């Protein structure tokens, strides 16, 4: 399968050997992308070892980003260079490779439950991206993540929290409101006092106080923490040449006791190429609310139509048995029910917070230990040790010469001043040395 066809709006992110990256290093960048509101794509490409010129050559893992347009690419390139110590290589696309298997992932449970706890990274101090890169290195696999900001996903989390705190449904509340007056009437006939309004409201569920177990309160707490974060709707695909390599990468993805990523379907020998333009992922609203109901609606329609035209009479099942009933409509109904249930079964969308997505999209921290493609360290203006010492000596030599000249000048001036102070008139102390005067 060709992973990339268009080299427009692609950049490669290469960490430097001198980079000191932290866990979830792409979290601030993801928040900026959330504010842009445009889809983007992230690639982790790990070729197979020995795929280069040398048979013993170890393949390097590379990281690519594709943006929606050129303006977003230029803007995010400047932001990534500012926030991270990396090299950005523009106008470069991922290498084209053919893969035999493609695993399309989904969440195991409701997306309100996180796949990464907020305290998990602080307790274990493990960068999950290191584990992902280590599992992909040398296997000839690729991880593709298509992301789109989705602020409306908070409604699903709010609904989940509400159902956990008030588990009683409206149907049970209606049954309580209908049956309670009958029970009170019977109790009054036998001399029992009717129940108070408080007891009815408590039993009703949503209008009164409910006893929520500790596990439900724990789930609500984690869902509320995810609710206050930026949310992204994602589509995650894992490509590989063998099912073992695909499973190895899938197991390395983040997982928590509350939720995890699982395989929705696996395509063998995929032929469809990714589109050149980014297509935003969805939360499968039509599939989960309309199409998933076809597995019972269409078989029921088949039986009703067969009954209208006289091919099927369900009353004969109870009186005469299966021998006198046309079994063709029943067989068609069962066949369509099974097929439609498999094809249009419900799918849990992947909605992740910034903290969760930063454990999949980002750069590893163990740069010296993992086989990843490194960027070129920019040339600095600092001189080497021996060059610096020689230049310092050259600078010090003229200073020393100036100091010696100044010292000599100061000493000569001091001697001259001393001589001036010690001079005295010769005639005063040595009168015989005075000039001879003419004799008169």
Protein backbone atom coordinates (compact mmCIF):
# COMPACT_ATOMS: atom_id res chain seq x y z
CA UNK A 1 0.00 0.00 0.00
CA UNK A 2 1.37 3.41 -0.94
CA UNK A 3 1.43 5.45 2.22
CA UNK A 4 1.97 8.81 0.60
CA UNK A 5 1.31 10.24 -2.81
CA UNK A 6 1.57 13.96 -2.31
CA UNK A 7 4.65 15.80 -1.10
CA UNK A 8 2.75 19.01 -0.40
CA UNK A 9 2.48 20.17 3.21
CA UNK A 10 4.71 17.34 4.48
CA UNK A 11 7.54 17.88 6.97
CA UNK A 12 9.89 15.48 8.71
CA UNK A 13 10.77 16.05 12.34
CA UNK A 14 14.24 14.86 13.37
CA UNK A 15 15.44 15.15 16.97
CA UNK A 16 19.02 16.24 17.56
CA UNK A 17 21.60 14.20 19.43
CA UNK A 18 21.86 17.10 21.87
CA UNK A 19 18.10 17.32 22.40
CA UNK A 20 16.78 16.94 25.93
CA UNK A 21 13.14 16.05 25.33
CA UNK A 22 10.58 15.32 28.00
CA UNK A 23 7.63 12.97 27.99
CA UNK A 24 4.56 14.24 26.11
CA UNK A 25 6.76 16.82 24.38
CA UNK A 26 4.13 17.47 21.68
CA UNK A 27 1.41 18.49 24.16
CA UNK A 28 1.75 22.29 23.65
CA UNK A 29 1.96 21.78 19.88
CA UNK A 30 -1.26 19.74 19.95
CA UNK A 31 -3.01 22.54 21.84
CA UNK A 32 -2.00 24.96 19.09
CA UNK A 33 -3.29 22.57 16.43
CA UNK A 34 -6.54 22.29 18.37
CA UNK A 35 -6.96 26.05 18.16
CA UNK A 36 -6.38 25.95 14.39
CA UNK A 37 -9.29 23.51 14.04
CA UNK A 38 -7.87 21.79 10.95
CA UNK A 39 -7.05 18.09 10.49
CA UNK A 40 -3.47 16.86 10.37
CA UNK A 41 -1.71 13.52 9.96
CA UNK A 42 1.17 11.94 11.87
CA UNK A 43 3.33 9.10 10.58
CA UNK A 44 5.78 6.80 12.35
CA UNK A 45 7.63 4.91 9.61
CA UNK A 46 9.94 2.04 10.56
CA UNK A 47 11.46 0.22 7.55
CA UNK A 48 12.65 -3.34 7.81
CA UNK A 49 16.26 -3.93 8.86
CA UNK A 50 18.52 -4.56 5.88
CA UNK A 51 16.21 -2.76 3.46
CA UNK A 52 19.01 -0.39 2.47
CA UNK A 53 22.18 -1.02 0.49
CA UNK A 54 23.90 -3.11 3.16
CA UNK A 55 22.39 -6.39 4.29
CA UNK A 56 23.26 -5.73 7.93
CA UNK A 57 22.12 -2.12 7.88
CA UNK A 58 19.78 -1.17 10.70
CA UNK A 59 16.75 0.79 9.54
CA UNK A 60 15.99 4.10 11.23
CA UNK A 61 12.57 5.17 12.49
CA UNK A 62 11.33 8.48 11.03
CA UNK A 63 8.55 10.89 12.00
CA UNK A 64 6.41 12.85 9.52
CA UNK A 65 3.65 15.44 9.80
CA UNK A 66 1.17 16.46 7.13
CA UNK A 67 -0.84 19.66 7.50
CA UNK A 68 -4.01 20.85 5.84
CA UNK A 69 -2.49 23.70 3.84
CA UNK A 70 0.77 25.52 3.24
CA UNK A 71 -0.02 28.32 5.69
CA UNK A 72 -0.52 25.82 8.52
CA UNK A 73 2.69 24.05 7.56
CA UNK A 74 4.79 27.22 7.74
CA UNK A 75 3.17 28.36 10.97
CA UNK A 76 3.54 25.01 12.76
CA UNK A 77 7.11 24.57 11.51
CA UNK A 78 8.13 27.80 13.24
CA UNK A 79 6.30 26.80 16.42
CA UNK A 80 7.91 23.34 16.55
CA UNK A 81 11.37 24.81 16.02
CA UNK A 82 10.76 27.29 18.81
CA UNK A 83 9.43 24.80 21.36
CA UNK A 84 11.62 21.78 20.59
CA UNK A 85 15.29 21.32 19.83
CA UNK A 86 14.74 19.52 16.52
CA UNK A 87 15.44 19.81 12.82
CA UNK A 88 12.49 20.34 10.46
CA UNK A 89 12.96 19.07 6.90
CA UNK A 90 10.31 20.48 4.57
CA UNK A 91 9.01 19.32 1.18
CA UNK A 92 9.71 15.66 1.94
CA UNK A 93 7.20 12.81 1.95
CA UNK A 94 7.25 9.44 3.73
CA UNK A 95 8.87 6.60 1.78
CA UNK A 96 6.43 4.63 -0.34
CA UNK A 97 6.13 1.03 0.83
CA UNK A 98 3.79 -1.89 0.28
CA UNK A 99 2.18 -3.52 3.33
CA UNK A 100 0.11 -6.68 3.43
CA UNK A 101 -2.01 -5.96 6.52
CA UNK A 102 -3.80 -2.89 7.82
CA UNK A 103 -5.40 -2.83 11.29
CA UNK A 104 -8.09 -0.20 11.87
CA UNK A 105 -8.33 0.51 15.60
CA UNK A 106 -11.15 1.60 17.88
CA UNK A 107 -11.67 2.12 21.60
CA UNK A 108 -12.77 -0.84 23.67
CA UNK A 109 -15.23 1.24 25.73
CA UNK A 110 -16.82 4.66 25.75
CA UNK A 111 -14.40 7.43 24.83
CA UNK A 112 -15.22 9.21 28.09
CA UNK A 113 -12.91 6.71 29.81
CA UNK A 114 -9.22 7.60 29.31
CA UNK A 115 -6.54 5.28 27.96
CA UNK A 116 -3.83 7.14 29.93
CA UNK A 117 -4.21 8.34 33.50
CA UNK A 118 -2.91 11.81 34.26
CA UNK A 119 -0.82 10.43 37.14
CA UNK A 120 0.47 7.41 35.21
CA UNK A 121 3.36 9.25 33.58
CA UNK A 122 4.42 10.82 36.88
CA UNK A 123 4.35 7.50 38.77
CA UNK A 124 6.25 5.35 36.30
CA UNK A 125 8.27 8.09 34.53
CA UNK A 126 8.00 6.19 31.25
CA UNK A 127 7.61 7.84 27.88
CA UNK A 128 5.14 5.63 26.04
CA UNK A 129 6.45 6.83 22.67
CA UNK A 130 9.77 5.13 23.47
CA UNK A 131 7.89 1.85 23.82
CA UNK A 132 6.07 2.42 20.53
CA UNK A 133 9.30 3.21 18.66
CA UNK A 134 11.07 0.20 20.20
CA UNK A 135 8.24 -2.09 19.08
CA UNK A 136 8.28 -0.73 15.51
CA UNK A 137 12.06 -0.65 14.98
CA UNK A 138 13.24 -2.99 12.23
CA UNK A 139 9.84 -4.67 11.64
CA UNK A 140 8.79 -2.82 8.49
CA UNK A 141 5.64 -1.27 9.98
CA UNK A 142 3.97 2.11 9.97
CA UNK A 143 1.60 3.90 12.36
CA UNK A 144 -0.74 6.49 10.87
CA UNK A 145 -2.78 8.88 13.06
CA UNK A 146 -5.28 11.30 11.50
CA UNK A 147 -6.49 13.91 13.99
CA UNK A 148 -9.14 16.62 14.05
CA UNK A 149 -10.12 18.91 16.91
CA UNK A 150 -13.63 18.07 18.18
CA UNK A 151 -15.01 20.42 20.87
CA UNK A 152 -18.50 18.86 20.52
CA UNK A 153 -17.21 15.56 21.92
CA UNK A 154 -17.69 16.96 25.42
CA UNK A 155 -21.43 16.24 25.11
CA UNK A 156 -20.76 12.50 25.02
CA UNK A 157 -18.63 12.70 28.16
CA UNK A 158 -21.29 14.71 29.97
CA UNK A 159 -23.90 12.12 29.03
CA UNK A 160 -21.66 9.32 30.32
CA UNK A 161 -21.10 11.09 33.65
CA UNK A 162 -24.82 11.76 34.01
CA UNK A 163 -25.74 8.12 33.38
CA UNK A 164 -23.14 6.95 35.91
CA UNK A 165 -24.34 9.28 38.64
CA UNK A 166 -28.04 8.65 37.91
CA UNK A 167 -28.23 5.06 36.60
CA UNK A 168 -32.03 4.84 36.68
CA UNK A 169 -33.53 5.14 33.21
CA UNK A 170 -36.68 7.00 32.29
CA UNK A 171 -38.53 3.70 31.62
CA UNK A 172 -37.91 2.49 35.18
CA UNK A 173 -39.05 5.87 36.50
CA UNK A 174 -42.27 5.58 34.48
CA UNK A 175 -42.87 2.08 35.83
CA UNK A 176 -42.36 3.28 39.41
CA UNK A 177 -44.81 6.16 38.92
CA UNK A 178 -47.46 3.79 37.58
CA UNK A 179 -47.00 0.89 40.02
CA UNK A 180 -46.53 2.89 43.22
CA UNK A 181 -50.16 4.14 43.40
CA UNK A 182 -51.41 0.56 42.87
CA UNK A 183 -49.13 -0.73 45.65
CA UNK A 184 -50.29 2.05 47.96
CA UNK A 185 -53.94 1.24 47.21
CA UNK A 186 -53.42 -2.43 48.02
CA UNK A 187 -51.50 -1.50 51.16
CA UNK A 188 -54.33 0.77 52.30
CA UNK A 189 -56.78 -2.09 51.84
CA UNK A 190 -54.81 -4.30 54.21
CA UNK A 191 -54.27 -1.48 56.69
CA UNK A 192 -50.71 -0.46 55.75
CA UNK A 193 -49.78 3.20 55.69
CA UNK A 194 -48.91 4.58 52.22
CA UNK A 195 -45.28 5.38 51.36
CA UNK A 196 -44.13 8.93 51.70
CA UNK A 197 -43.12 11.10 48.77
CA UNK A 198 -39.48 11.02 49.85
CA UNK A 199 -39.25 7.26 49.57
CA UNK A 200 -40.87 7.36 46.14
CA UNK A 201 -38.44 9.99 44.92
CA UNK A 202 -35.47 8.04 46.21
CA UNK A 203 -36.70 4.90 44.54
CA UNK A 204 -37.43 6.81 41.36
CA UNK A 205 -33.79 7.44 40.73
CA UNK A 206 -33.10 10.67 38.87
CA UNK A 207 -35.24 12.94 41.07
CA UNK A 208 -33.72 11.62 44.28
CA UNK A 209 -30.34 10.63 45.64
CA UNK A 210 -28.72 7.47 44.30
CA UNK A 211 -26.13 5.28 45.88
CA UNK A 212 -23.20 5.23 43.47
CA UNK A 213 -20.56 2.55 44.04
CA UNK A 214 -16.89 3.41 44.41
CA UNK A 215 -15.90 2.10 40.97
CA UNK A 216 -18.49 4.29 39.24
CA UNK A 217 -17.25 7.30 41.18
CA UNK A 218 -13.70 6.50 40.06
CA UNK A 219 -14.81 6.36 36.43
CA UNK A 220 -16.66 9.65 36.82
CA UNK A 221 -13.56 11.27 38.28
CA UNK A 222 -11.40 10.23 35.31
CA UNK A 223 -14.10 11.28 32.85
CA UNK A 224 -14.32 14.72 34.45
CA UNK A 225 -10.55 15.13 34.16
CA UNK A 226 -10.81 14.32 30.46
CA UNK A 227 -13.73 16.70 30.12
CA UNK A 228 -11.66 19.78 31.02
CA UNK A 229 -8.99 19.03 28.38
CA UNK A 230 -8.94 19.69 24.65
CA UNK A 231 -10.48 16.77 22.77
CA UNK A 232 -9.48 15.30 19.40
CA UNK A 233 -11.30 12.78 17.22
CA UNK A 234 -8.72 10.37 15.78
CA UNK A 235 -8.35 7.56 13.30
CA UNK A 236 -5.44 5.20 14.01
CA UNK A 237 -4.15 2.68 11.47
CA UNK A 238 -1.29 0.20 11.87
CA UNK A 239 0.35 -1.19 8.72
CA UNK A 240 2.62 -4.24 8.63
CA UNK A 241 3.80 -7.16 6.56
CA UNK A 242 2.73 -9.73 9.15
CA UNK A 243 0.05 -9.99 11.79
CA UNK A 244 2.71 -10.54 14.46
CA UNK A 245 4.30 -7.16 13.77
CA UNK A 246 0.91 -5.44 13.75
CA UNK A 247 -0.03 -7.02 17.07
CA UNK A 248 3.33 -6.04 18.57
CA UNK A 249 2.73 -2.40 17.71
CA UNK A 250 -0.86 -2.50 18.93
CA UNK A 251 0.21 -3.88 22.31
CA UNK A 252 2.71 -1.04 22.70
CA UNK A 253 0.00 1.61 22.39
CA UNK A 254 -1.24 3.26 25.61
CA UNK A 255 -3.69 1.28 27.71
CA UNK A 256 -5.28 1.79 31.11
CA UNK A 257 -7.54 -0.41 33.28
CA UNK A 258 -10.50 1.71 32.21
CA UNK A 259 -9.99 1.73 28.44
CA UNK A 260 -7.66 0.67 25.64
CA UNK A 261 -7.31 0.46 21.86
CA UNK A 262 -8.42 -2.69 20.06
CA UNK A 263 -8.72 -3.83 16.44
CA UNK A 264 -12.04 -3.04 14.77
CA UNK A 265 -11.17 -4.75 11.51
CA UNK A 266 -8.07 -6.04 9.72
CA UNK A 267 -7.70 -5.63 5.96
CA UNK A 268 -5.47 -8.05 4.07
CA UNK A 269 -3.61 -6.70 1.06
CA UNK A 270 -5.16 -3.23 1.15
CA UNK A 271 -5.20 -1.53 -2.26
CA UNK A 272 -6.88 1.78 -1.49
CA UNK A 273 -4.41 4.65 -1.34
CA UNK A 274 -4.74 7.49 1.16
CA UNK A 275 -6.23 10.60 -0.41
CA UNK A 276 -3.95 13.53 -1.09
CA UNK A 277 -6.25 15.85 0.86
CA UNK A 278 -6.79 15.18 4.53
CA UNK A 279 -10.21 13.83 5.44
CA UNK A 280 -11.28 14.61 8.98
CA UNK A 281 -12.17 11.53 11.09
CA UNK A 282 -15.71 11.16 12.40
CA UNK A 283 -17.43 9.71 15.45
CA UNK A 284 -19.59 7.39 13.29
CA UNK A 285 -22.90 8.96 14.31
CA UNK A 286 -24.84 7.58 11.32
CA UNK A 287 -23.38 4.12 11.76
CA UNK A 288 -24.04 3.91 15.50
CA UNK A 289 -27.52 5.46 15.45
CA UNK A 290 -29.02 4.45 12.09
CA UNK A 291 -27.15 1.66 10.33
CA UNK A 292 -26.69 -0.51 13.41
CA UNK A 293 -30.50 -0.84 13.66
CA UNK A 294 -30.79 -2.42 10.22
CA UNK A 295 -29.93 -5.90 11.54
CA UNK A 296 -33.38 -6.20 13.11
CA UNK A 297 -35.38 -3.68 11.01
CA UNK A 298 -34.79 -5.34 7.63
CA UNK A 299 -35.51 -8.95 8.81
CA UNK A 300 -38.66 -7.74 10.51
CA UNK A 301 -39.72 -6.01 7.31
CA UNK A 302 -39.13 -9.22 5.36
CA UNK A 303 -41.40 -11.17 7.72
CA UNK A 304 -44.10 -8.50 7.60
CA UNK A 305 -44.08 -8.39 3.80
CA UNK A 306 -44.20 -12.17 3.66
CA UNK A 307 -47.21 -12.10 5.98
CA UNK A 308 -48.98 -9.46 3.86
CA UNK A 309 -48.58 -11.50 0.67
CA UNK A 310 -49.56 -14.74 2.43
CA UNK A 311 -46.19 -16.48 2.41
CA UNK A 312 -45.77 -16.44 6.20
CA UNK A 313 -48.26 -16.77 9.05
CA UNK A 314 -46.67 -16.58 12.54
CA UNK A 315 -49.88 -17.93 14.19
CA UNK A 316 -49.32 -21.34 12.61
CA UNK A 317 -46.07 -21.70 14.58
CA UNK A 318 -48.01 -22.14 17.82
CA UNK A 319 -50.81 -24.33 16.44
CA UNK A 320 -49.36 -26.52 13.69
CA UNK A 321 -45.59 -26.21 14.19
CA UNK A 322 -42.75 -25.65 11.70
CA UNK A 323 -43.90 -28.36 9.31
CA UNK A 324 -46.84 -26.35 8.00
CA UNK A 325 -45.04 -22.98 7.86
CA UNK A 326 -43.04 -21.64 4.93
CA UNK A 327 -39.49 -21.47 6.27
CA UNK A 328 -38.08 -19.41 3.38
CA UNK A 329 -39.00 -15.99 4.90
CA UNK A 330 -37.58 -17.07 8.26
CA UNK A 331 -34.33 -18.20 6.63
CA UNK A 332 -33.99 -14.91 4.71
CA UNK A 333 -34.69 -12.92 7.86
CA UNK A 334 -32.04 -14.80 9.85
CA UNK A 335 -29.50 -14.50 7.04
CA UNK A 336 -29.96 -10.73 6.70
CA UNK A 337 -29.92 -10.28 10.47
CA UNK A 338 -26.51 -11.99 10.82
CA UNK A 339 -24.97 -10.22 7.81
CA UNK A 340 -26.18 -6.75 8.78
CA UNK A 341 -25.14 -7.24 12.40
CA UNK A 342 -21.58 -8.06 11.30
CA UNK A 343 -21.33 -5.30 8.70
CA UNK A 344 -23.02 -2.47 10.59
CA UNK A 345 -22.14 -3.27 14.16
CA UNK A 346 -21.49 -0.37 16.49
CA UNK A 347 -18.05 1.18 16.52
CA UNK A 348 -16.56 3.10 19.42
CA UNK A 349 -14.98 6.31 18.11
CA UNK A 350 -11.48 7.30 19.21
CA UNK A 351 -11.66 10.60 21.07
CA UNK A 352 -8.51 11.47 23.01
CA UNK A 353 -7.47 14.38 25.19
CA UNK A 354 -4.23 16.29 24.78
CA UNK A 355 -2.48 14.22 27.45
CA UNK A 356 -3.57 10.94 25.83
CA UNK A 357 -2.75 11.97 22.27
CA UNK A 358 0.67 13.28 23.34
CA UNK A 359 1.58 9.70 24.34
CA UNK A 360 1.12 8.60 20.71
CA UNK A 361 2.11 11.70 18.73
CA UNK A 362 5.54 12.97 19.71
CA UNK A 363 9.24 12.22 19.82
CA UNK A 364 11.05 9.67 21.99
CA UNK A 365 13.24 10.72 24.89
CA UNK A 366 15.80 7.89 24.75
CA UNK A 367 17.44 9.30 21.64
CA UNK A 368 20.83 7.65 22.15
CA UNK A 369 19.34 4.16 22.65
CA UNK A 370 16.72 3.97 19.89
CA UNK A 371 17.43 3.66 16.14
CA UNK A 372 15.85 6.93 15.00
CA UNK A 373 16.86 9.36 12.27
CA UNK A 374 18.70 12.29 13.83
CA UNK A 375 18.97 15.83 12.54
CA UNK A 376 22.08 17.86 11.86
CA UNK A 377 23.33 19.85 14.80
CA UNK A 378 23.68 23.51 13.72
CA UNK A 379 27.24 24.85 13.69
CA UNK A 380 27.86 27.05 16.71
CA UNK A 381 30.25 30.01 16.94
CA UNK A 382 32.01 28.77 20.05
CA UNK A 383 35.67 27.89 19.37
CA UNK A 384 37.36 24.67 20.33
CA UNK A 385 39.55 24.45 23.43
CA UNK A 386 43.02 24.76 21.89
CA UNK A 387 41.85 27.53 19.51
CA UNK A 388 40.41 29.46 22.38
CA UNK A 389 43.60 29.18 24.45
CA UNK A 390 45.81 30.34 21.57
CA UNK A 391 43.57 33.30 20.88
CA UNK A 392 43.54 34.22 24.54
CA UNK A 393 47.34 34.08 24.62
CA UNK A 394 47.55 36.30 21.54
CA UNK A 395 45.22 38.77 23.20
CA UNK A 396 47.22 38.69 26.42
CA UNK A 397 50.63 39.30 24.75
CA UNK A 398 49.96 42.87 23.57
CA UNK A 399 48.45 43.61 26.94
CA UNK A 400 51.64 42.45 28.64
CA UNK A 401 53.77 44.55 26.29
CA UNK A 402 51.66 47.62 27.03
CA UNK A 403 51.95 46.95 30.73
CA UNK A 404 55.77 46.68 30.55
CA UNK A 405 56.01 49.89 28.51
CA UNK A 406 53.80 51.70 30.98
CA UNK A 407 55.88 50.38 33.88
CA UNK A 408 59.12 51.61 32.24
CA UNK A 409 57.62 55.02 31.55
CA UNK A 410 56.37 55.26 35.11
CA UNK A 411 59.78 54.27 36.51
CA UNK A 412 61.60 56.87 34.36
CA UNK A 413 59.14 59.54 35.41
CA UNK A 414 59.65 58.59 39.02
CA UNK A 415 63.44 58.80 38.63
CA UNK A 416 63.14 62.22 36.98
CA UNK A 417 60.95 63.50 39.73
CA UNK A 418 63.39 62.20 42.34
CA UNK A 419 66.27 63.94 40.60
CA UNK A 420 64.38 67.20 40.57
CA UNK A 421 63.71 66.92 44.26
CA UNK A 422 67.39 66.19 45.13
CA UNK A 423 68.94 69.06 43.09
CA UNK A 424 70.29 72.00 45.20
CA UNK A 425 72.33 75.21 44.45
CA UNK A 426 76.01 74.50 44.17
CA UNK A 427 77.20 77.88 45.55
CA UNK A 428 75.39 77.41 48.80
CA UNK A 429 77.08 74.24 49.93
CA UNK A 430 80.31 74.36 47.96
CA UNK A 431 81.50 78.04 47.97
CA UNK A 432 84.92 77.17 46.52
CA UNK A 433 83.27 76.02 43.36
CA UNK A 434 81.84 79.45 42.69
CA UNK A 435 83.03 81.25 39.61
CA UNK A 436 86.05 83.43 40.04
CA UNK A 437 85.38 87.09 40.15
CA UNK A 438 87.84 89.60 38.58
CA UNK A 439 90.24 91.19 41.09
CA UNK A 440 89.85 94.88 41.62
